[in-house]
Structures are given as C-alpha cells and as structure tokens.
Amino acid sequence: NKTLAGAIRSSVRVLVASVLMGSVAVGFTACGGDSDEARVRVFHASPDAPNVDVLIDGGRVLENVPYSAASDFLGIDAGDRRVQVNVAGTDTSAIDTHAVFAKDTEYVIVAVDKVAKISPLVFTADRTTPESGSARVRVLHSAASAPAVDVYVTAADAGISNAQPTLSGVPFKAISDYLTVPAGT
C-alpha cells in the first residue's frame, strides 16, 4: 500500500543520510582524542516523537534533535554511562538506560519505534575504509509500521523483478552486518 511504501522510502532515505553523514564524519573524527574515550553517534528514528535532547550521565550532549537526524560521532568517557533521550528542553525522559562503552570503540545509538514503544538500539560501528571502488553499507529496518522487508542493492536504473534480494525478510529493528557493494549510485 502507498502508506507503507512511503514509510519504507522515508526510512531508507533516513538510513542513507545517516550512512552518508558517517562517511563525512570520518574526516572529522579520525584524528586525536583521549585514549579512554569511546565515540557515539545518535540517530533519531522515532517518527512520531518530538525533537529530543540527548544526555550522557546527566549532561546534555545534543539539543533539539529532530526526527531523522543523526549526529556526528561524539567523544565520551568509556565505561558504564547513563543515556537519556528527553523531550527537547525538558527533564521528561523517553529513554533512560545504561550502556557500557569500551574505549577506542565507536557506537551508534538509535531511538527507534513509535514514541509509545520507543527504545534504544545500541551497536558498534566499524568505519574501516573499503577497497577502492567499493562502499560499505549497513541496513537497519527502522520503519515501525512496516513488515519484514527485502533489500535490493542494484544499479540505479535496474529493476528488481528478476533480481535476488541482497537481504531477505529483514524484520523491524534488525541490523545487518556490513555489506561491501560497488561504489556509485
């Protein structure tokens, strides 16, 4: 149906924007830093949630983050950290959890699902540079109202009617392994 297709297209656009921002962030985050630091990136993927503030150990690290926005990687102290996602400008937490972050490791925190069921997904990031002519991508199914989906990676003008899916039956909240694909559109 058109609503479902729109939700899936929106989620794919958000994911692609996040992947592209990750590629841009490499130039800014690869140098320097404290050896006891972990690095985190936050992605707001709750479609009906308002703008949010993100707090680590009670200190605001991001403010007024809108739906579909992803931050650059931020340096935080490694260890057990309290992570809160609050309604922007308030002390009202939609997410209040703890996560352990290892030093010299990069993480992505995704606020996912509709606001009534919002939850965090925390996973590691690997920004190893792919071989020349290739790109590395990862798929996160974050469309709360969509069923499991098949993902096709093809040339921009290729149809999928005779193609095999690159990933089959990806359920909501699933995060794929990294895929190496030809660079380009």
C-alpha atoms as a PDB file:
ATOM      1  CA  ASN A   1       0.000   0.000   0.000  1.00  0.00           C
ATOM      2  CA  LYS A   2       1.075   3.582  -0.619  1.00  0.00           C
ATOM      3  CA  THR A   3       1.406   4.499   3.084  1.00  0.00           C
ATOM      4  CA  LEU A   4       3.654   1.514   3.767  1.00  0.00           C
ATOM      5  CA  ALA A   5       5.749   2.203   0.679  1.00  0.00           C
ATOM      6  CA  GLY A   6       6.126   5.838   1.761  1.00  0.00           C
ATOM      7  CA  ALA A   7       7.217   4.807   5.254  1.00  0.00           C
ATOM      8  CA  ILE A   8       9.782   2.423   3.826  1.00  0.00           C
ATOM      9  CA  ARG A   9      11.099   5.035   1.372  1.00  0.00           C
ATOM     10  CA  SER A  10      11.330   7.544   4.235  1.00  0.00           C
ATOM     11  CA  SER A  11      13.252   5.080   6.402  1.00  0.00           C
ATOM     12  CA  VAL A  12      15.602   4.246   3.542  1.00  0.00           C
ATOM     13  CA  ARG A  13      16.254   7.962   2.913  1.00  0.00           C
ATOM     14  CA  VAL A  14      16.986   8.445   6.612  1.00  0.00           C
ATOM     15  CA  LEU A  15      19.345   5.452   6.645  1.00  0.00           C
ATOM     16  CA  VAL A  16      21.134   6.623   3.508  1.00  0.00           C
ATOM     17  CA  ALA A  17      21.504  10.112   5.004  1.00  0.00           C
ATOM     18  CA  SER A  18      22.934   8.537   8.139  1.00  0.00           C
ATOM     19  CA  VAL A  19      25.396   6.424   6.137  1.00  0.00           C
ATOM     20  CA  LEU A  20      26.466   9.433   4.091  1.00  0.00           C
ATOM     21  CA  MET A  21      26.944  11.540   7.219  1.00  0.00           C
ATOM     22  CA  GLY A  22      29.048   8.715   8.640  1.00  0.00           C
ATOM     23  CA  SER A  23      31.280   8.900   5.601  1.00  0.00           C
ATOM     24  CA  VAL A  24      31.657  12.660   6.017  1.00  0.00           C
ATOM     25  CA  ALA A  25      32.305  12.293   9.759  1.00  0.00           C
ATOM     26  CA  VAL A  26      35.370  10.118   9.135  1.00  0.00           C
ATOM     27  CA  GLY A  27      37.441  13.165   8.267  1.00  0.00           C
ATOM     28  CA  PHE A  28      36.495  14.935  11.492  1.00  0.00           C
ATOM     29  CA  THR A  29      36.780  12.074  13.980  1.00  0.00           C
ATOM     30  CA  ALA A  30      39.786  10.075  12.892  1.00  0.00           C
ATOM     31  CA  CYS A  31      42.345  12.371  14.483  1.00  0.00           C
ATOM     32  CA  GLY A  32      43.307  12.935  18.107  1.00  0.00           C
ATOM     33  CA  GLY A  33      41.199  12.145  21.125  1.00  0.00           C
ATOM     34  CA  ASP A  34      41.565  10.806  24.616  1.00  0.00           C
ATOM     35  CA  SER A  35      42.685   7.177  24.834  1.00  0.00           C
ATOM     36  CA  ASP A  36      39.981   6.486  27.458  1.00  0.00           C
ATOM     37  CA  GLU A  37      37.245   7.678  25.114  1.00  0.00           C
ATOM     38  CA  ALA A  38      34.522   5.862  23.297  1.00  0.00           C
ATOM     39  CA  ARG A  39      32.725   7.587  20.434  1.00  0.00           C
ATOM     40  CA  VAL A  40      28.968   7.631  19.944  1.00  0.00           C
ATOM     41  CA  ARG A  41      26.643   8.774  17.213  1.00  0.00           C
ATOM     42  CA  VAL A  42      22.942   9.292  17.904  1.00  0.00           C
ATOM     43  CA  PHE A  43      20.182   8.770  15.344  1.00  0.00           C
ATOM     44  CA  HIS A  44      16.552   9.906  15.995  1.00  0.00           C
ATOM     45  CA  ALA A  45      14.353   7.344  14.195  1.00  0.00           C
ATOM     46  CA  SER A  46      11.076   7.603  16.136  1.00  0.00           C
ATOM     47  CA  PRO A  47       8.643   9.013  13.550  1.00  0.00           C
ATOM     48  CA  ASP A  48       6.038  10.428  15.936  1.00  0.00           C
ATOM     49  CA  ALA A  49       8.413  11.620  18.674  1.00  0.00           C
ATOM     50  CA  PRO A  50       9.090  15.332  19.131  1.00  0.00           C
ATOM     51  CA  ASN A  51      12.544  16.855  18.916  1.00  0.00           C
ATOM     52  CA  VAL A  52      14.801  15.486  21.639  1.00  0.00           C
ATOM     53  CA  ASP A  53      17.817  16.295  23.776  1.00  0.00           C
ATOM     54  CA  VAL A  54      20.399  13.571  24.427  1.00  0.00           C
ATOM     55  CA  LEU A  55      22.107  13.372  27.805  1.00  0.00           C
ATOM     56  CA  ILE A  56      25.105  11.299  28.860  1.00  0.00           C
ATOM     57  CA  ASP A  57      25.474  10.996  32.647  1.00  0.00           C
ATOM     58  CA  GLY A  58      23.015  13.886  33.074  1.00  0.00           C
ATOM     59  CA  GLY A  59      24.860  16.340  30.791  1.00  0.00           C
ATOM     60  CA  ARG A  60      23.257  17.431  27.518  1.00  0.00           C
ATOM     61  CA  VAL A  61      25.454  16.435  24.576  1.00  0.00           C
ATOM     62  CA  LEU A  62      22.858  17.151  21.862  1.00  0.00           C
ATOM     63  CA  GLU A  63      19.906  19.554  21.882  1.00  0.00           C
ATOM     64  CA  ASN A  64      16.688  19.836  19.884  1.00  0.00           C
ATOM     65  CA  VAL A  65      17.433  16.872  17.583  1.00  0.00           C
ATOM     66  CA  PRO A  66      14.612  16.397  15.024  1.00  0.00           C
ATOM     67  CA  TYR A  67      13.280  13.135  13.612  1.00  0.00           C
ATOM     68  CA  SER A  68      15.609  11.583  11.008  1.00  0.00           C
ATOM     69  CA  ALA A  69      18.689  13.494  12.180  1.00  0.00           C
ATOM     70  CA  ALA A  70      21.979  11.784  13.000  1.00  0.00           C
ATOM     71  CA  SER A  71      24.804  13.395  14.924  1.00  0.00           C
ATOM     72  CA  ASP A  72      28.496  13.261  14.189  1.00  0.00           C
ATOM     73  CA  PHE A  73      30.489  10.906  16.413  1.00  0.00           C
ATOM     74  CA  LEU A  74      30.935  12.428  19.880  1.00  0.00           C
ATOM     75  CA  GLY A  75      33.711  11.568  22.316  1.00  0.00           C
ATOM     76  CA  ILE A  76      32.521  10.314  25.722  1.00  0.00           C
ATOM     77  CA  ASP A  77      34.271   8.686  28.656  1.00  0.00           C
ATOM     78  CA  ALA A  78      34.453   4.921  28.236  1.00  0.00           C
ATOM     79  CA  GLY A  79      32.635   2.781  30.804  1.00  0.00           C
ATOM     80  CA  ASP A  80      29.094   2.381  32.138  1.00  0.00           C
ATOM     81  CA  ARG A  81      27.181   5.508  31.119  1.00  0.00           C
ATOM     82  CA  ARG A  82      23.627   6.665  31.714  1.00  0.00           C
ATOM     83  CA  VAL A  83      21.996   7.567  28.385  1.00  0.00           C
ATOM     84  CA  GLN A  84      18.803   9.629  28.354  1.00  0.00           C
ATOM     85  CA  VAL A  85      16.691  10.859  25.473  1.00  0.00           C
ATOM     86  CA  ASN A  86      14.460  13.684  26.702  1.00  0.00           C
ATOM     87  CA  VAL A  87      11.725  15.708  25.075  1.00  0.00           C
ATOM     88  CA  ALA A  88      13.653  18.789  23.902  1.00  0.00           C
ATOM     89  CA  GLY A  89      14.028  21.455  26.578  1.00  0.00           C
ATOM     90  CA  THR A  90      12.545  19.313  29.365  1.00  0.00           C
ATOM     91  CA  ASP A  91      13.544  16.799  32.019  1.00  0.00           C
ATOM     92  CA  THR A  92      10.999  14.279  30.655  1.00  0.00           C
ATOM     93  CA  SER A  93      12.862  11.155  29.534  1.00  0.00           C
ATOM     94  CA  ALA A  94      11.504   8.984  26.729  1.00  0.00           C
ATOM     95  CA  ILE A  95      14.543   6.725  27.136  1.00  0.00           C
ATOM     96  CA  ASP A  96      16.572   6.344  30.318  1.00  0.00           C
ATOM     97  CA  THR A  97      19.049   3.461  30.231  1.00  0.00           C
ATOM     98  CA  HIS A  98      22.627   2.461  30.918  1.00  0.00           C
ATOM     99  CA  ALA A  99      25.095   1.165  28.358  1.00  0.00           C
ATOM    100  CA  VAL A 100      28.719   0.122  28.612  1.00  0.00           C
ATOM    101  CA  PHE A 101      31.034   1.766  26.095  1.00  0.00           C
ATOM    102  CA  ALA A 102      34.535   0.345  25.539  1.00  0.00           C
ATOM    103  CA  LYS A 103      37.440   2.700  24.974  1.00  0.00           C
ATOM    104  CA  ASP A 104      38.588   3.194  21.386  1.00  0.00           C
ATOM    105  CA  THR A 105      35.263   1.800  20.125  1.00  0.00           C
ATOM    106  CA  GLU A 106      32.573   3.587  18.114  1.00  0.00           C
ATOM    107  CA  TYR A 107      28.870   3.076  18.747  1.00  0.00           C
ATOM    108  CA  VAL A 108      25.581   4.095  17.185  1.00  0.00           C
ATOM    109  CA  ILE A 109      22.568   4.710  19.417  1.00  0.00           C
ATOM    110  CA  VAL A 110      19.238   4.718  17.573  1.00  0.00           C
ATOM    111  CA  ALA A 111      15.978   5.845  19.189  1.00  0.00           C
ATOM    112  CA  VAL A 112      13.560   3.601  17.329  1.00  0.00           C
ATOM    113  CA  ASP A 113       9.821   2.774  17.216  1.00  0.00           C
ATOM    114  CA  LYS A 114       6.807   4.961  17.800  1.00  0.00           C
ATOM    115  CA  VAL A 115       7.010   7.116  20.904  1.00  0.00           C
ATOM    116  CA  ALA A 116       4.649   4.871  22.918  1.00  0.00           C
ATOM    117  CA  LYS A 117       7.131   1.984  22.464  1.00  0.00           C
ATOM    118  CA  ILE A 118      10.360   3.915  21.923  1.00  0.00           C
ATOM    119  CA  SER A 119      13.524   2.028  22.754  1.00  0.00           C
ATOM    120  CA  PRO A 120      17.246   2.375  22.130  1.00  0.00           C
ATOM    121  CA  LEU A 121      19.272   0.167  19.817  1.00  0.00           C
ATOM    122  CA  VAL A 122      22.979   0.341  20.635  1.00  0.00           C
ATOM    123  CA  PHE A 123      25.508  -1.285  18.322  1.00  0.00           C
ATOM    124  CA  THR A 124      29.130  -0.873  17.330  1.00  0.00           C
ATOM    125  CA  ALA A 125      30.256   0.924  14.220  1.00  0.00           C
ATOM    126  CA  ASP A 126      33.170  -0.089  12.023  1.00  0.00           C
ATOM    127  CA  ARG A 127      34.375   2.634   9.715  1.00  0.00           C
ATOM    128  CA  THR A 128      37.140   0.634   8.061  1.00  0.00           C
ATOM    129  CA  THR A 129      37.824   2.081   4.631  1.00  0.00           C
ATOM    130  CA  PRO A 130      36.660  -0.295   1.877  1.00  0.00           C
ATOM    131  CA  GLU A 131      38.852  -1.233  -1.044  1.00  0.00           C
ATOM    132  CA  SER A 132      38.950   1.190  -3.947  1.00  0.00           C
ATOM    133  CA  GLY A 133      35.738   1.246  -5.991  1.00  0.00           C
ATOM    134  CA  SER A 134      33.636  -0.172  -3.142  1.00  0.00           C
ATOM    135  CA  ALA A 135      31.422   1.156  -0.382  1.00  0.00           C
ATOM    136  CA  ARG A 136      30.422  -0.405   2.927  1.00  0.00           C
ATOM    137  CA  VAL A 137      26.778  -0.126   3.969  1.00  0.00           C
ATOM    138  CA  ARG A 138      24.665  -1.499   6.758  1.00  0.00           C
ATOM    139  CA  VAL A 139      20.892  -1.822   6.864  1.00  0.00           C
ATOM    140  CA  LEU A 140      18.718  -1.015   9.871  1.00  0.00           C
ATOM    141  CA  HIS A 141      14.988  -1.650   9.497  1.00  0.00           C
ATOM    142  CA  SER A 142      13.555   1.303  11.435  1.00  0.00           C
ATOM    143  CA  ALA A 143      10.092   1.677   9.863  1.00  0.00           C
ATOM    144  CA  ALA A 144       7.859   0.831  12.845  1.00  0.00           C
ATOM    145  CA  SER A 145       4.730   0.218  10.772  1.00  0.00           C
ATOM    146  CA  ALA A 146       6.392  -1.873   8.048  1.00  0.00           C
ATOM    147  CA  PRO A 147       6.570  -5.662   7.975  1.00  0.00           C
ATOM    148  CA  ALA A 148       9.801  -7.538   7.305  1.00  0.00           C
ATOM    149  CA  VAL A 149      11.358  -6.261   4.084  1.00  0.00           C
ATOM    150  CA  ASP A 150      13.634  -7.494   1.316  1.00  0.00           C
ATOM    151  CA  VAL A 151      16.528  -5.193   0.457  1.00  0.00           C
ATOM    152  CA  TYR A 152      17.907  -4.974  -3.071  1.00  0.00           C
ATOM    153  CA  VAL A 153      21.217  -3.331  -3.919  1.00  0.00           C
ATOM    154  CA  THR A 154      21.341  -2.760  -7.670  1.00  0.00           C
ATOM    155  CA  ALA A 155      22.391  -0.170 -10.201  1.00  0.00           C
ATOM    156  CA  ALA A 156      20.093   2.866 -10.010  1.00  0.00           C
ATOM    157  CA  ASP A 157      18.306   2.045 -13.262  1.00  0.00           C
ATOM    158  CA  ALA A 158      17.982  -1.718 -12.684  1.00  0.00           C
ATOM    159  CA  GLY A 159      14.611  -3.298 -11.982  1.00  0.00           C
ATOM    160  CA  ILE A 160      14.166  -5.836  -9.209  1.00  0.00           C
ATOM    161  CA  SER A 161      11.527  -8.084 -10.754  1.00  0.00           C
ATOM    162  CA  ASN A 162      14.150 -10.690 -11.755  1.00  0.00           C
ATOM    163  CA  ALA A 163      16.762  -9.850  -9.115  1.00  0.00           C
ATOM    164  CA  GLN A 164      17.513 -11.762  -5.936  1.00  0.00           C
ATOM    165  CA  PRO A 165      17.303  -9.669  -2.762  1.00  0.00           C
ATOM    166  CA  THR A 166      20.612  -8.729  -1.168  1.00  0.00           C
ATOM    167  CA  LEU A 167      18.928  -9.231   2.217  1.00  0.00           C
ATOM    168  CA  SER A 168      15.686 -11.200   2.628  1.00  0.00           C
ATOM    169  CA  GLY A 169      12.983 -10.835   5.254  1.00  0.00           C
ATOM    170  CA  VAL A 170      14.702  -8.166   7.354  1.00  0.00           C
ATOM    171  CA  PRO A 171      12.490  -7.677  10.440  1.00  0.00           C
ATOM    172  CA  PHE A 172      11.818  -4.418  12.276  1.00  0.00           C
ATOM    173  CA  LYS A 173      14.777  -3.396  14.490  1.00  0.00           C
ATOM    174  CA  ALA A 174      17.187  -5.778  12.706  1.00  0.00           C
ATOM    175  CA  ILE A 175      20.685  -4.503  11.924  1.00  0.00           C
ATOM    176  CA  SER A 176      22.573  -6.213   9.113  1.00  0.00           C
ATOM    177  CA  ASP A 177      26.248  -6.982   9.009  1.00  0.00           C
ATOM    178  CA  TYR A 178      28.267  -4.646   6.825  1.00  0.00           C
ATOM    179  CA  LEU A 179      27.855  -5.240   3.104  1.00  0.00           C
ATOM    180  CA  THR A 180      30.564  -4.348   0.595  1.00  0.00           C
ATOM    181  CA  VAL A 181      28.975  -3.103  -2.615  1.00  0.00           C
ATOM    182  CA  PRO A 182      30.254  -1.350  -5.748  1.00  0.00           C
ATOM    183  CA  ALA A 183      30.572   2.395  -5.173  1.00  0.00           C
ATOM    184  CA  GLY A 184      28.233   4.634  -7.133  1.00  0.00           C
ATOM    185  CA  THR A 185      24.546   5.316  -7.470  1.00  0.00           C
END
